[in-house]
């Protein structure tokens, strides 16, 4: 497995913890696993803010200024193609 040098394993570990917490929220194992699901969602929001702010800081350090429109367009080109692909995969069986 190839891991990029600038990738933090700790962030991946926290992301995994958040996934497990959210999955536990939707599966009854113990009473307290149902009530802890919100922690996973909050952890995802915190990690997202940390990672996006890191991208913004890198762009500011590299260019000396920020272009919010350019940044949002680049993020959109990374996120939306996969989103629409999975949406099609989901919707096609429903139509047929």
C-alpha atoms as a PDB file:
ATOM      1  CA  UNK A   1       0.000   0.000   0.000  1.00  0.00           C
ATOM      2  CA  UNK A   2       1.315   3.433  -0.939  1.00  0.00           C
ATOM      3  CA  UNK A   3       0.820   6.214   1.585  1.00  0.00           C
ATOM      4  CA  UNK A   4       1.702   9.752   0.577  1.00  0.00           C
ATOM      5  CA  UNK A   5       4.426  11.374   2.648  1.00  0.00           C
ATOM      6  CA  UNK A   6       2.250  14.319   3.615  1.00  0.00           C
ATOM      7  CA  UNK A   7      -0.622  12.078   4.747  1.00  0.00           C
ATOM      8  CA  UNK A   8      -1.101  11.836   8.501  1.00  0.00           C
ATOM      9  CA  UNK A   9      -1.839   8.329   9.758  1.00  0.00           C
ATOM     10  CA  UNK A  10      -3.329   9.807  12.910  1.00  0.00           C
ATOM     11  CA  UNK A  11      -6.019  11.525  10.842  1.00  0.00           C
ATOM     12  CA  UNK A  12      -6.810   8.235   9.113  1.00  0.00           C
ATOM     13  CA  UNK A  13      -7.046   6.552  12.509  1.00  0.00           C
ATOM     14  CA  UNK A  14      -9.466   9.216  13.777  1.00  0.00           C
ATOM     15  CA  UNK A  15     -11.460   8.894  10.562  1.00  0.00           C
ATOM     16  CA  UNK A  16     -11.724   5.154  11.185  1.00  0.00           C
ATOM     17  CA  UNK A  17     -12.895   5.760  14.758  1.00  0.00           C
ATOM     18  CA  UNK A  18     -15.550   8.159  13.441  1.00  0.00           C
ATOM     19  CA  UNK A  19     -16.753   5.565  10.908  1.00  0.00           C
ATOM     20  CA  UNK A  20     -17.023   2.903  13.586  1.00  0.00           C
ATOM     21  CA  UNK A  21     -18.943   5.243  15.894  1.00  0.00           C
ATOM     22  CA  UNK A  22     -21.433   6.123  13.169  1.00  0.00           C
ATOM     23  CA  UNK A  23     -21.877   2.449  12.256  1.00  0.00           C
ATOM     24  CA  UNK A  24     -22.439   1.586  15.911  1.00  0.00           C
ATOM     25  CA  UNK A  25     -25.119   4.254  16.019  1.00  0.00           C
ATOM     26  CA  UNK A  26     -27.067   2.411  13.341  1.00  0.00           C
ATOM     27  CA  UNK A  27     -26.514  -1.092  14.749  1.00  0.00           C
ATOM     28  CA  UNK A  28     -27.711  -2.098  18.182  1.00  0.00           C
ATOM     29  CA  UNK A  29     -24.894  -3.840  20.034  1.00  0.00           C
ATOM     30  CA  UNK A  30     -25.120  -2.238  23.433  1.00  0.00           C
ATOM     31  CA  UNK A  31     -27.257   0.563  24.771  1.00  0.00           C
ATOM     32  CA  UNK A  32     -24.358   3.018  24.951  1.00  0.00           C
ATOM     33  CA  UNK A  33     -23.293   2.437  21.326  1.00  0.00           C
ATOM     34  CA  UNK A  34     -26.626   3.890  20.170  1.00  0.00           C
ATOM     35  CA  UNK A  35     -26.094   7.051  22.191  1.00  0.00           C
ATOM     36  CA  UNK A  36     -22.465   7.599  21.085  1.00  0.00           C
ATOM     37  CA  UNK A  37     -23.088   7.943  17.337  1.00  0.00           C
ATOM     38  CA  UNK A  38     -23.178  11.736  17.448  1.00  0.00           C
ATOM     39  CA  UNK A  39     -19.516  11.725  18.497  1.00  0.00           C
ATOM     40  CA  UNK A  40     -18.571  10.171  15.145  1.00  0.00           C
ATOM     41  CA  UNK A  41     -20.496  12.816  13.212  1.00  0.00           C
ATOM     42  CA  UNK A  42     -18.899  15.627  15.224  1.00  0.00           C
ATOM     43  CA  UNK A  43     -15.487  14.050  14.708  1.00  0.00           C
ATOM     44  CA  UNK A  44     -16.058  14.037  10.931  1.00  0.00           C
ATOM     45  CA  UNK A  45     -16.905  17.755  11.032  1.00  0.00           C
ATOM     46  CA  UNK A  46     -13.794  18.571  13.065  1.00  0.00           C
ATOM     47  CA  UNK A  47     -11.546  16.516  10.777  1.00  0.00           C
ATOM     48  CA  UNK A  48     -13.077  18.104   7.678  1.00  0.00           C
ATOM     49  CA  UNK A  49     -12.470  21.580   9.058  1.00  0.00           C
ATOM     50  CA  UNK A  50      -8.889  20.692   9.921  1.00  0.00           C
ATOM     51  CA  UNK A  51      -8.155  19.224   6.489  1.00  0.00           C
ATOM     52  CA  UNK A  52      -9.836  22.016   4.506  1.00  0.00           C
ATOM     53  CA  UNK A  53      -8.112  24.710   6.545  1.00  0.00           C
ATOM     54  CA  UNK A  54      -4.804  22.914   5.912  1.00  0.00           C
ATOM     55  CA  UNK A  55      -5.461  23.124   2.167  1.00  0.00           C
ATOM     56  CA  UNK A  56      -6.276  26.822   2.471  1.00  0.00           C
ATOM     57  CA  UNK A  57      -3.114  27.514   4.479  1.00  0.00           C
ATOM     58  CA  UNK A  58      -0.978  25.647   1.922  1.00  0.00           C
ATOM     59  CA  UNK A  59      -2.510  27.684  -0.894  1.00  0.00           C
ATOM     60  CA  UNK A  60      -1.910  30.929   0.995  1.00  0.00           C
ATOM     61  CA  UNK A  61       1.705  29.998   1.731  1.00  0.00           C
ATOM     62  CA  UNK A  62       2.313  28.979  -1.893  1.00  0.00           C
ATOM     63  CA  UNK A  63       0.696  31.974  -3.625  1.00  0.00           C
ATOM     64  CA  UNK A  64       0.517  34.624  -0.899  1.00  0.00           C
ATOM     65  CA  UNK A  65      -3.236  35.086  -1.336  1.00  0.00           C
ATOM     66  CA  UNK A  66      -6.448  33.070  -1.454  1.00  0.00           C
ATOM     67  CA  UNK A  67      -8.898  32.707  -4.285  1.00  0.00           C
ATOM     68  CA  UNK A  68     -12.042  31.273  -2.675  1.00  0.00           C
ATOM     69  CA  UNK A  69     -13.808  30.747  -6.007  1.00  0.00           C
ATOM     70  CA  UNK A  70     -10.890  28.827  -7.485  1.00  0.00           C
ATOM     71  CA  UNK A  71     -10.566  26.759  -4.317  1.00  0.00           C
ATOM     72  CA  UNK A  72     -14.271  25.843  -4.329  1.00  0.00           C
ATOM     73  CA  UNK A  73     -14.211  24.942  -8.021  1.00  0.00           C
ATOM     74  CA  UNK A  74     -11.200  22.649  -7.501  1.00  0.00           C
ATOM     75  CA  UNK A  75     -12.902  20.983  -4.524  1.00  0.00           C
ATOM     76  CA  UNK A  76     -16.077  20.598  -6.563  1.00  0.00           C
ATOM     77  CA  UNK A  77     -14.208  18.846  -9.371  1.00  0.00           C
ATOM     78  CA  UNK A  78     -12.840  16.395  -6.803  1.00  0.00           C
ATOM     79  CA  UNK A  79     -16.123  15.720  -5.004  1.00  0.00           C
ATOM     80  CA  UNK A  80     -19.012  16.009  -7.465  1.00  0.00           C
ATOM     81  CA  UNK A  81     -17.970  13.495 -10.168  1.00  0.00           C
ATOM     82  CA  UNK A  82     -17.869  10.683  -7.602  1.00  0.00           C
ATOM     83  CA  UNK A  83     -21.087  11.938  -6.015  1.00  0.00           C
ATOM     84  CA  UNK A  84     -22.983  11.854  -9.328  1.00  0.00           C
ATOM     85  CA  UNK A  85     -21.499   8.480 -10.244  1.00  0.00           C
ATOM     86  CA  UNK A  86     -22.743   6.913  -7.025  1.00  0.00           C
ATOM     87  CA  UNK A  87     -26.059   8.689  -7.411  1.00  0.00           C
ATOM     88  CA  UNK A  88     -26.483   7.085 -10.836  1.00  0.00           C
ATOM     89  CA  UNK A  89     -25.493   3.679  -9.470  1.00  0.00           C
ATOM     90  CA  UNK A  90     -28.137   4.138  -6.776  1.00  0.00           C
ATOM     91  CA  UNK A  91     -30.920   5.493  -8.991  1.00  0.00           C
ATOM     92  CA  UNK A  92     -30.631   3.138 -11.984  1.00  0.00           C
ATOM     93  CA  UNK A  93     -31.906   0.034 -10.107  1.00  0.00           C
ATOM     94  CA  UNK A  94     -34.810   2.084  -8.742  1.00  0.00           C
ATOM     95  CA  UNK A  95     -35.822   3.206 -12.239  1.00  0.00           C
ATOM     96  CA  UNK A  96     -35.624  -0.308 -13.697  1.00  0.00           C
END
